Amino acid sequence: MLLALDIGNSRIKWGLFDGLRCRTMGFIPTRDFQDLDPVGYEFELGGAGAGLPGIAAQDGALLDSAPAPAVLDAALLAQADSLAVCSVGGSGVEARLMVHLHALGLAPLSAFRIAAAAQGLGVHNAYAEPERLGADRWAALVAAYLRGPVPAVIVMAGTATTVDALDADGHFQGGYILPGLRLMPKSLYERTAGIRPGDGTWSAFPHSTADAVASGVLAASAGAVAGMVQTLQAHSGGTAVHTLVSGGNGPALLARMRELGLAPRYERDLVLHGVAALYHAR
């Protein structure tokens, strides 16, 4: 059984895979491993109902169903006989996490580390320096290509929001990086005297500052996606372009994307599926 880890800036996601089939998965906040003593934290699988700072909870509660809770305990860790790691959260976080997992009973395993390459599993990387593409973006692109359909714009909505274009032949054409839905409002709160943190809601015509911030953040992010869809569609000769959204902040974007005429599909743990695929193709 493969233990796949996606160590991000906001969350550490984990999944137990039997081949390419995910048996169970969950996450824990990354901040819990930015301290020296993480012992006692549970690895719980959360739903999509938590609100975002400056964005009302209902804008982040758009999943049709919430997955069943899962906790990565000693019994599950004992089943892992291989380990694959995709990390953008920093070496210190990763080191503390591994100490904690070993304390819970994970056997010492040699980790397979995900790194972007010029090509892999049918995906071709257009970056001038392919290895500089984020490992999480690479894993997501691989999973999106394997799971289809393409061409597609893959949106990873986490601490940052990435908007990546993947054509029908598996060529990653490039993508945008924006501040994430939690990060974007902070620049306004920190740099403007008249805008203070508040729980705003989406409105096409906001009538309060809090609503204006929440609406602006969502409109900017969804608009970037719509722009990339148009660009990729033109590049693809008018072929319909699909949109695939992942990441913990993803549900908050879905309604705004639909209002712009898109039909997004949401897969919260796309990176983990890419990690498993790259591990088995190593």
C-alpha atoms as a PDB file:
ATOM      1  CA  MET A   1       0.000   0.000   0.000  1.00  0.00           C
ATOM      2  CA  LEU A   2       1.343   3.409  -0.989  1.00  0.00           C
ATOM      3  CA  LEU A   3       1.187   6.338   1.415  1.00  0.00           C
ATOM      4  CA  ALA A   4       1.071   9.453  -0.781  1.00  0.00           C
ATOM      5  CA  LEU A   5       1.759  12.835   0.816  1.00  0.00           C
ATOM      6  CA  ASP A   6       1.028  16.258  -0.663  1.00  0.00           C
ATOM      7  CA  ILE A   7       2.693  18.776   1.672  1.00  0.00           C
ATOM      8  CA  GLY A   8       1.378  22.226   0.861  1.00  0.00           C
ATOM      9  CA  ASN A   9       1.648  25.650   2.430  1.00  0.00           C
ATOM     10  CA  SER A  10      -1.775  25.427   4.081  1.00  0.00           C
ATOM     11  CA  ARG A  11      -2.558  21.705   4.281  1.00  0.00           C
ATOM     12  CA  ILE A  12      -0.811  18.364   4.356  1.00  0.00           C
ATOM     13  CA  LYS A  13      -2.917  15.950   2.331  1.00  0.00           C
ATOM     14  CA  TRP A  14      -2.450  12.187   2.553  1.00  0.00           C
ATOM     15  CA  GLY A  15      -3.863   9.195   0.761  1.00  0.00           C
ATOM     16  CA  LEU A  16      -3.466   5.421   1.012  1.00  0.00           C
ATOM     17  CA  PHE A  17      -3.413   3.873  -2.457  1.00  0.00           C
ATOM     18  CA  ASP A  18      -3.771   0.278  -3.548  1.00  0.00           C
ATOM     19  CA  GLY A  19      -2.237   0.648  -6.980  1.00  0.00           C
ATOM     20  CA  LEU A  20      -3.972   3.672  -8.456  1.00  0.00           C
ATOM     21  CA  ARG A  21      -7.066   3.181  -6.335  1.00  0.00           C
ATOM     22  CA  CYS A  22      -7.336   5.464  -3.334  1.00  0.00           C
ATOM     23  CA  ARG A  23      -8.586   3.605  -0.266  1.00  0.00           C
ATOM     24  CA  THR A  24      -8.842   6.598   2.059  1.00  0.00           C
ATOM     25  CA  MET A  25      -7.481  10.120   2.371  1.00  0.00           C
ATOM     26  CA  GLY A  26      -7.437  13.115   4.668  1.00  0.00           C
ATOM     27  CA  PHE A  27      -5.563  16.278   5.604  1.00  0.00           C
ATOM     28  CA  ILE A  28      -4.199  18.301   8.493  1.00  0.00           C
ATOM     29  CA  PRO A  29      -3.276  22.016   8.597  1.00  0.00           C
ATOM     30  CA  THR A  30       0.377  22.582   7.749  1.00  0.00           C
ATOM     31  CA  ARG A  31       0.687  25.083  10.608  1.00  0.00           C
ATOM     32  CA  ASP A  32       0.389  22.201  13.054  1.00  0.00           C
ATOM     33  CA  PHE A  33       3.809  21.020  11.866  1.00  0.00           C
ATOM     34  CA  GLN A  34       5.437  24.400  11.934  1.00  0.00           C
ATOM     35  CA  ASP A  35       5.816  23.929  15.711  1.00  0.00           C
ATOM     36  CA  LEU A  36       8.422  21.697  17.297  1.00  0.00           C
ATOM     37  CA  ASP A  37       6.010  19.272  18.955  1.00  0.00           C
ATOM     38  CA  PRO A  38       3.159  18.121  16.699  1.00  0.00           C
ATOM     39  CA  VAL A  39       2.317  15.066  18.805  1.00  0.00           C
ATOM     40  CA  GLY A  40      -1.382  14.634  19.478  1.00  0.00           C
ATOM     41  CA  TYR A  41      -2.763  16.089  16.264  1.00  0.00           C
ATOM     42  CA  GLU A  42      -5.269  13.976  14.381  1.00  0.00           C
ATOM     43  CA  PHE A  43      -5.312  13.574  10.630  1.00  0.00           C
ATOM     44  CA  GLU A  44      -8.965  14.309   9.934  1.00  0.00           C
ATOM     45  CA  LEU A  45     -10.714  14.620   6.652  1.00  0.00           C
ATOM     46  CA  GLY A  46     -12.687  17.858   6.565  1.00  0.00           C
ATOM     47  CA  GLY A  47     -15.661  18.890   4.493  1.00  0.00           C
ATOM     48  CA  ALA A  48     -16.057  21.945   2.290  1.00  0.00           C
ATOM     49  CA  GLY A  49     -18.211  24.024   4.596  1.00  0.00           C
ATOM     50  CA  ALA A  50     -15.603  26.196   6.304  1.00  0.00           C
ATOM     51  CA  GLY A  51     -15.689  29.803   5.197  1.00  0.00           C
ATOM     52  CA  LEU A  52     -12.700  31.782   3.975  1.00  0.00           C
ATOM     53  CA  PRO A  53     -11.526  35.025   5.577  1.00  0.00           C
ATOM     54  CA  GLY A  54     -13.518  37.774   3.900  1.00  0.00           C
ATOM     55  CA  ILE A  55     -15.767  35.287   2.101  1.00  0.00           C
ATOM     56  CA  ALA A  56     -18.956  33.928   3.601  1.00  0.00           C
ATOM     57  CA  ALA A  57     -19.194  30.215   4.351  1.00  0.00           C
ATOM     58  CA  GLN A  58     -21.924  29.558   1.812  1.00  0.00           C
ATOM     59  CA  ASP A  59     -19.515  30.451  -0.998  1.00  0.00           C
ATOM     60  CA  GLY A  60     -17.263  27.613   0.148  1.00  0.00           C
ATOM     61  CA  ALA A  61     -19.932  24.965   0.681  1.00  0.00           C
ATOM     62  CA  LEU A  62     -20.814  23.923  -2.835  1.00  0.00           C
ATOM     63  CA  LEU A  63     -19.979  20.205  -2.859  1.00  0.00           C
ATOM     64  CA  ASP A  64     -22.846  17.820  -3.462  1.00  0.00           C
ATOM     65  CA  SER A  65     -21.672  15.523  -0.677  1.00  0.00           C
ATOM     66  CA  ALA A  66     -18.975  15.547   1.984  1.00  0.00           C
ATOM     67  CA  PRO A  67     -16.620  12.540   2.213  1.00  0.00           C
ATOM     68  CA  ALA A  68     -16.572  10.334   5.263  1.00  0.00           C
ATOM     69  CA  PRO A  69     -14.041  11.294   7.949  1.00  0.00           C
ATOM     70  CA  ALA A  70     -10.732   9.443   8.058  1.00  0.00           C
ATOM     71  CA  VAL A  71      -7.905   9.495  10.583  1.00  0.00           C
ATOM     72  CA  LEU A  72      -4.407   8.345   9.697  1.00  0.00           C
ATOM     73  CA  ASP A  73      -3.711   6.195  12.747  1.00  0.00           C
ATOM     74  CA  ALA A  74      -1.253   3.406  13.555  1.00  0.00           C
ATOM     75  CA  ALA A  75      -3.483   0.759  11.963  1.00  0.00           C
ATOM     76  CA  LEU A  76      -3.496   2.571   8.618  1.00  0.00           C
ATOM     77  CA  LEU A  77       0.188   3.450   8.779  1.00  0.00           C
ATOM     78  CA  ALA A  78       1.028  -0.213   9.355  1.00  0.00           C
ATOM     79  CA  GLN A  79      -0.434  -0.978   5.910  1.00  0.00           C
ATOM     80  CA  ALA A  80       1.969   1.360   4.105  1.00  0.00           C
ATOM     81  CA  ASP A  81       4.910  -0.402   2.478  1.00  0.00           C
ATOM     82  CA  SER A  82       5.913   2.476   0.193  1.00  0.00           C
ATOM     83  CA  LEU A  83       6.015   6.263   0.415  1.00  0.00           C
ATOM     84  CA  ALA A  84       5.766   9.052  -2.168  1.00  0.00           C
ATOM     85  CA  VAL A  85       6.096  12.721  -1.268  1.00  0.00           C
ATOM     86  CA  CYS A  86       5.139  15.882  -3.137  1.00  0.00           C
ATOM     87  CA  SER A  87       6.239  18.866  -1.063  1.00  0.00           C
ATOM     88  CA  VAL A  88       6.093  22.628  -1.459  1.00  0.00           C
ATOM     89  CA  GLY A  89       5.612  23.289   2.256  1.00  0.00           C
ATOM     90  CA  GLY A  90       9.260  23.468   3.285  1.00  0.00           C
ATOM     91  CA  SER A  91      11.832  20.989   4.557  1.00  0.00           C
ATOM     92  CA  GLY A  92      11.200  21.796   8.227  1.00  0.00           C
ATOM     93  CA  VAL A  93       7.512  20.929   7.983  1.00  0.00           C
ATOM     94  CA  GLU A  94       8.316  17.722   6.140  1.00  0.00           C
ATOM     95  CA  ALA A  95      10.911  16.680   8.715  1.00  0.00           C
ATOM     96  CA  ARG A  96       8.548  17.227  11.661  1.00  0.00           C
ATOM     97  CA  LEU A  97       5.777  15.392   9.854  1.00  0.00           C
ATOM     98  CA  MET A  98       7.973  12.361   9.254  1.00  0.00           C
ATOM     99  CA  VAL A  99       9.062  12.288  12.905  1.00  0.00           C
ATOM    100  CA  HIS A 100       5.403  12.285  13.898  1.00  0.00           C
ATOM    101  CA  LEU A 101       4.446   9.552  11.420  1.00  0.00           C
ATOM    102  CA  HIS A 102       7.305   7.335  12.550  1.00  0.00           C
ATOM    103  CA  ALA A 103       6.258   7.867  16.161  1.00  0.00           C
ATOM    104  CA  LEU A 104       2.778   6.668  15.199  1.00  0.00           C
ATOM    105  CA  GLY A 105       4.204   3.502  13.680  1.00  0.00           C
ATOM    106  CA  LEU A 106       5.173   4.235  10.078  1.00  0.00           C
ATOM    107  CA  ALA A 107       8.077   1.963   9.183  1.00  0.00           C
ATOM    108  CA  PRO A 108      11.241   3.669   7.892  1.00  0.00           C
ATOM    109  CA  LEU A 109      10.685   3.881   4.153  1.00  0.00           C
ATOM    110  CA  SER A 110      12.730   5.365   1.345  1.00  0.00           C
ATOM    111  CA  ALA A 111      10.586   8.185  -0.041  1.00  0.00           C
ATOM    112  CA  PHE A 112      10.022   8.651  -3.755  1.00  0.00           C
ATOM    113  CA  ARG A 113       9.995  12.410  -4.313  1.00  0.00           C
ATOM    114  CA  ILE A 114       7.894  14.038  -6.982  1.00  0.00           C
ATOM    115  CA  ALA A 115       9.740  16.527  -9.185  1.00  0.00           C
ATOM    116  CA  ALA A 116       8.671  18.086 -12.455  1.00  0.00           C
ATOM    117  CA  ALA A 117      10.317  16.774 -15.608  1.00  0.00           C
ATOM    118  CA  ALA A 118      10.363  17.607 -19.307  1.00  0.00           C
ATOM    119  CA  GLN A 119       7.815  14.861 -19.899  1.00  0.00           C
ATOM    120  CA  GLY A 120       6.080  12.037 -18.109  1.00  0.00           C
ATOM    121  CA  LEU A 121       3.016   9.833 -18.538  1.00  0.00           C
ATOM    122  CA  GLY A 122       2.040  11.617 -21.731  1.00  0.00           C
ATOM    123  CA  VAL A 123       2.435  15.159 -20.374  1.00  0.00           C
ATOM    124  CA  HIS A 124       5.004  17.487 -21.962  1.00  0.00           C
ATOM    125  CA  ASN A 125       6.286  20.415 -19.906  1.00  0.00           C
ATOM    126  CA  ALA A 126       6.698  23.709 -21.780  1.00  0.00           C
ATOM    127  CA  TYR A 127       8.688  25.408 -19.020  1.00  0.00           C
ATOM    128  CA  ALA A 128      12.082  26.674 -20.212  1.00  0.00           C
ATOM    129  CA  GLU A 129      13.500  24.963 -17.122  1.00  0.00           C
ATOM    130  CA  PRO A 130      11.062  22.071 -16.613  1.00  0.00           C
ATOM    131  CA  GLU A 131      12.360  21.169 -13.161  1.00  0.00           C
ATOM    132  CA  ARG A 132      11.342  24.601 -11.850  1.00  0.00           C
ATOM    133  CA  LEU A 133       7.647  23.904 -12.268  1.00  0.00           C
ATOM    134  CA  GLY A 134       6.109  23.233  -8.862  1.00  0.00           C
ATOM    135  CA  ALA A 135       5.902  19.545  -8.012  1.00  0.00           C
ATOM    136  CA  ASP A 136       2.236  19.901  -7.047  1.00  0.00           C
ATOM    137  CA  ARG A 137       1.348  21.522 -10.366  1.00  0.00           C
ATOM    138  CA  TRP A 138       3.195  18.757 -12.226  1.00  0.00           C
ATOM    139  CA  ALA A 139       1.373  16.017 -10.316  1.00  0.00           C
ATOM    140  CA  ALA A 140      -1.970  17.743 -10.951  1.00  0.00           C
ATOM    141  CA  LEU A 141      -1.261  18.049 -14.684  1.00  0.00           C
ATOM    142  CA  VAL A 142      -0.365  14.352 -14.911  1.00  0.00           C
ATOM    143  CA  ALA A 143      -3.528  13.338 -13.060  1.00  0.00           C
ATOM    144  CA  ALA A 144      -5.686  15.642 -15.184  1.00  0.00           C
ATOM    145  CA  TYR A 145      -4.271  14.201 -18.408  1.00  0.00           C
ATOM    146  CA  LEU A 146      -4.702  10.603 -17.292  1.00  0.00           C
ATOM    147  CA  ARG A 147      -8.223  11.155 -15.990  1.00  0.00           C
ATOM    148  CA  GLY A 148      -9.308  13.402 -18.888  1.00  0.00           C
ATOM    149  CA  PRO A 149     -10.935  14.908 -20.756  1.00  0.00           C
ATOM    150  CA  VAL A 150      -8.534  17.336 -22.426  1.00  0.00           C
ATOM    151  CA  PRO A 151      -7.922  20.060 -23.491  1.00  0.00           C
ATOM    152  CA  ALA A 152      -8.434  21.419 -20.026  1.00  0.00           C
ATOM    153  CA  VAL A 153      -7.604  24.291 -17.721  1.00  0.00           C
ATOM    154  CA  ILE A 154      -6.514  22.935 -14.343  1.00  0.00           C
ATOM    155  CA  VAL A 155      -7.134  25.233 -11.388  1.00  0.00           C
ATOM    156  CA  MET A 156      -5.325  24.559  -8.117  1.00  0.00           C
ATOM    157  CA  ALA A 157      -6.938  26.750  -5.464  1.00  0.00           C
ATOM    158  CA  GLY A 158      -4.748  26.665  -2.376  1.00  0.00           C
ATOM    159  CA  THR A 159      -2.515  29.243  -0.688  1.00  0.00           C
ATOM    160  CA  ALA A 160      -1.848  30.374  -4.243  1.00  0.00           C
ATOM    161  CA  THR A 161      -4.225  29.855  -7.141  1.00  0.00           C
ATOM    162  CA  THR A 162      -2.648  28.360 -10.250  1.00  0.00           C
ATOM    163  CA  VAL A 163      -4.402  28.251 -13.610  1.00  0.00           C
ATOM    164  CA  ASP A 164      -2.683  25.861 -16.032  1.00  0.00           C
ATOM    165  CA  ALA A 165      -3.421  25.083 -19.690  1.00  0.00           C
ATOM    166  CA  LEU A 166      -3.142  21.490 -20.922  1.00  0.00           C
ATOM    167  CA  ASP A 167      -3.897  20.822 -24.585  1.00  0.00           C
ATOM    168  CA  ALA A 168      -5.404  17.731 -26.171  1.00  0.00           C
ATOM    169  CA  ASP A 169      -1.953  16.263 -26.916  1.00  0.00           C
ATOM    170  CA  GLY A 170      -0.823  16.511 -23.305  1.00  0.00           C
ATOM    171  CA  HIS A 171       1.300  19.613 -23.799  1.00  0.00           C
ATOM    172  CA  PHE A 172       1.339  21.906 -20.773  1.00  0.00           C
ATOM    173  CA  GLN A 173       1.316  25.295 -22.465  1.00  0.00           C
ATOM    174  CA  GLY A 174       1.898  27.397 -19.344  1.00  0.00           C
ATOM    175  CA  GLY A 175      -0.190  28.981 -16.639  1.00  0.00           C
ATOM    176  CA  TYR A 176      -0.928  31.795 -14.214  1.00  0.00           C
ATOM    177  CA  ILE A 177      -0.088  32.092 -10.526  1.00  0.00           C
ATOM    178  CA  LEU A 178      -2.311  34.372  -8.418  1.00  0.00           C
ATOM    179  CA  PRO A 179      -2.592  35.005  -4.687  1.00  0.00           C
ATOM    180  CA  GLY A 180      -5.086  32.545  -3.253  1.00  0.00           C
ATOM    181  CA  LEU A 181      -8.553  33.405  -1.970  1.00  0.00           C
ATOM    182  CA  ARG A 182      -7.268  33.673   1.587  1.00  0.00           C
ATOM    183  CA  LEU A 183      -4.121  35.564   0.625  1.00  0.00           C
ATOM    184  CA  MET A 184      -5.513  38.139  -1.793  1.00  0.00           C
ATOM    185  CA  PRO A 185      -7.626  40.101   0.736  1.00  0.00           C
ATOM    186  CA  LYS A 186      -4.676  40.366   3.141  1.00  0.00           C
ATOM    187  CA  SER A 187      -2.840  42.720   0.796  1.00  0.00           C
ATOM    188  CA  LEU A 188      -5.821  45.090   0.956  1.00  0.00           C
ATOM    189  CA  TYR A 189      -6.105  44.854   4.745  1.00  0.00           C
ATOM    190  CA  GLU A 190      -2.383  45.465   5.206  1.00  0.00           C
ATOM    191  CA  ARG A 191      -1.875  48.215   2.621  1.00  0.00           C
ATOM    192  CA  THR A 192      -5.041  50.315   2.827  1.00  0.00           C
ATOM    193  CA  ALA A 193      -6.218  52.390   5.772  1.00  0.00           C
ATOM    194  CA  GLY A 194      -9.927  52.271   4.957  1.00  0.00           C
ATOM    195  CA  ILE A 195     -10.373  48.536   4.306  1.00  0.00           C
ATOM    196  CA  ARG A 196     -10.606  46.293   7.334  1.00  0.00           C
ATOM    197  CA  PRO A 197     -11.136  42.536   7.621  1.00  0.00           C
ATOM    198  CA  GLY A 198     -14.767  41.509   7.472  1.00  0.00           C
ATOM    199  CA  ASP A 199     -17.004  38.673   6.343  1.00  0.00           C
ATOM    200  CA  GLY A 200     -18.370  39.749   3.010  1.00  0.00           C
ATOM    201  CA  THR A 201     -20.550  37.865   0.561  1.00  0.00           C
ATOM    202  CA  TRP A 202     -20.620  37.675  -3.205  1.00  0.00           C
ATOM    203  CA  SER A 203     -22.658  40.297  -5.001  1.00  0.00           C
ATOM    204  CA  ALA A 204     -22.713  41.331  -8.637  1.00  0.00           C
ATOM    205  CA  PHE A 205     -23.079  44.918  -7.377  1.00  0.00           C
ATOM    206  CA  PRO A 206     -21.580  45.065  -3.855  1.00  0.00           C
ATOM    207  CA  HIS A 207     -23.062  47.643  -1.479  1.00  0.00           C
ATOM    208  CA  SER A 208     -20.507  47.366   1.340  1.00  0.00           C
ATOM    209  CA  THR A 209     -16.729  47.332   1.555  1.00  0.00           C
ATOM    210  CA  ALA A 210     -16.650  43.782   2.937  1.00  0.00           C
ATOM    211  CA  ASP A 211     -18.844  42.560   0.090  1.00  0.00           C
ATOM    212  CA  ALA A 212     -16.722  44.493  -2.414  1.00  0.00           C
ATOM    213  CA  VAL A 213     -13.550  42.744  -1.201  1.00  0.00           C
ATOM    214  CA  ALA A 214     -15.135  39.270  -1.212  1.00  0.00           C
ATOM    215  CA  SER A 215     -16.665  39.820  -4.631  1.00  0.00           C
ATOM    216  CA  GLY A 216     -13.481  41.281  -6.075  1.00  0.00           C
ATOM    217  CA  VAL A 217     -11.389  38.333  -4.910  1.00  0.00           C
ATOM    218  CA  LEU A 218     -13.791  35.804  -6.399  1.00  0.00           C
ATOM    219  CA  ALA A 219     -14.293  37.774  -9.616  1.00  0.00           C
ATOM    220  CA  ALA A 220     -10.556  38.203 -10.171  1.00  0.00           C
ATOM    221  CA  SER A 221      -9.823  34.518  -9.683  1.00  0.00           C
ATOM    222  CA  ALA A 222     -12.752  33.227 -11.740  1.00  0.00           C
ATOM    223  CA  GLY A 223     -11.987  35.804 -14.427  1.00  0.00           C
ATOM    224  CA  ALA A 224      -8.409  34.560 -14.708  1.00  0.00           C
ATOM    225  CA  VAL A 225      -9.743  31.062 -15.280  1.00  0.00           C
ATOM    226  CA  ALA A 226     -12.212  32.234 -17.919  1.00  0.00           C
ATOM    227  CA  GLY A 227      -9.445  34.155 -19.673  1.00  0.00           C
ATOM    228  CA  MET A 228      -7.196  31.096 -19.805  1.00  0.00           C
ATOM    229  CA  VAL A 229     -10.076  28.979 -21.113  1.00  0.00           C
ATOM    230  CA  GLN A 230     -10.574  31.450 -23.965  1.00  0.00           C
ATOM    231  CA  THR A 231      -6.846  31.511 -24.719  1.00  0.00           C
ATOM    232  CA  LEU A 232      -6.536  27.720 -24.753  1.00  0.00           C
ATOM    233  CA  GLN A 233      -9.685  27.369 -26.846  1.00  0.00           C
ATOM    234  CA  ALA A 234      -8.253  29.734 -29.463  1.00  0.00           C
ATOM    235  CA  HIS A 235      -4.946  27.825 -29.346  1.00  0.00           C
ATOM    236  CA  SER A 236      -6.888  24.562 -29.828  1.00  0.00           C
ATOM    237  CA  GLY A 237      -8.717  25.741 -32.932  1.00  0.00           C
ATOM    238  CA  GLY A 238     -12.027  26.295 -31.204  1.00  0.00           C
ATOM    239  CA  THR A 239     -12.174  22.890 -29.497  1.00  0.00           C
ATOM    240  CA  ALA A 240     -14.207  22.935 -26.291  1.00  0.00           C
ATOM    241  CA  VAL A 241     -12.015  23.335 -23.208  1.00  0.00           C
ATOM    242  CA  HIS A 242     -12.865  21.619 -19.935  1.00  0.00           C
ATOM    243  CA  THR A 243     -12.151  23.064 -16.490  1.00  0.00           C
ATOM    244  CA  LEU A 244     -10.926  20.991 -13.581  1.00  0.00           C
ATOM    245  CA  VAL A 245     -10.720  22.546 -10.111  1.00  0.00           C
ATOM    246  CA  SER A 246      -8.846  21.171  -7.107  1.00  0.00           C
ATOM    247  CA  GLY A 247      -7.552  22.398  -3.763  1.00  0.00           C
ATOM    248  CA  GLY A 248      -9.196  23.315  -0.493  1.00  0.00           C
ATOM    249  CA  ASN A 249     -10.394  26.726  -1.704  1.00  0.00           C
ATOM    250  CA  GLY A 250     -11.744  25.307  -4.945  1.00  0.00           C
ATOM    251  CA  PRO A 251     -15.439  25.063  -4.004  1.00  0.00           C
ATOM    252  CA  ALA A 252     -15.582  28.810  -3.392  1.00  0.00           C
ATOM    253  CA  LEU A 253     -14.818  29.395  -7.087  1.00  0.00           C
ATOM    254  CA  LEU A 254     -17.324  27.015  -8.630  1.00  0.00           C
ATOM    255  CA  ALA A 255     -20.420  29.243  -8.606  1.00  0.00           C
ATOM    256  CA  ARG A 256     -18.501  32.214 -10.008  1.00  0.00           C
ATOM    257  CA  MET A 257     -17.056  30.048 -12.798  1.00  0.00           C
ATOM    258  CA  ARG A 258     -20.522  28.771 -13.695  1.00  0.00           C
ATOM    259  CA  GLU A 259     -21.809  32.339 -13.912  1.00  0.00           C
ATOM    260  CA  LEU A 260     -19.087  32.977 -16.505  1.00  0.00           C
ATOM    261  CA  GLY A 261     -20.390  30.111 -18.641  1.00  0.00           C
ATOM    262  CA  LEU A 262     -17.921  27.444 -17.522  1.00  0.00           C
ATOM    263  CA  ALA A 263     -18.810  23.938 -16.347  1.00  0.00           C
ATOM    264  CA  PRO A 264     -16.096  23.126 -13.788  1.00  0.00           C
ATOM    265  CA  ARG A 265     -15.497  19.671 -12.332  1.00  0.00           C
ATOM    266  CA  TYR A 266     -14.163  19.580  -8.783  1.00  0.00           C
ATOM    267  CA  GLU A 267     -11.672  16.968  -7.547  1.00  0.00           C
ATOM    268  CA  ARG A 268     -10.289  18.030  -4.197  1.00  0.00           C
ATOM    269  CA  ASP A 269      -7.247  15.717  -4.094  1.00  0.00           C
ATOM    270  CA  LEU A 270      -6.085  15.743  -7.701  1.00  0.00           C
ATOM    271  CA  VAL A 271      -2.425  16.064  -6.687  1.00  0.00           C
ATOM    272  CA  LEU A 272      -2.517  12.848  -4.650  1.00  0.00           C
ATOM    273  CA  HIS A 273      -3.767  10.909  -7.670  1.00  0.00           C
ATOM    274  CA  GLY A 274      -0.905  12.352  -9.704  1.00  0.00           C
ATOM    275  CA  VAL A 275       1.568  11.405  -6.980  1.00  0.00           C
ATOM    276  CA  ALA A 276       0.344   7.797  -7.060  1.00  0.00           C
ATOM    277  CA  ALA A 277       0.525   7.651 -10.867  1.00  0.00           C
ATOM    278  CA  LEU A 278       4.062   9.060 -10.975  1.00  0.00           C
ATOM    279  CA  TYR A 279       5.174   6.670  -8.231  1.00  0.00           C
ATOM    280  CA  HIS A 280       3.956   3.605 -10.124  1.00  0.00           C
ATOM    281  CA  ALA A 281       5.510   4.851 -13.375  1.00  0.00           C
ATOM    282  CA  ARG A 282       8.934   5.524 -11.831  1.00  0.00           C
END
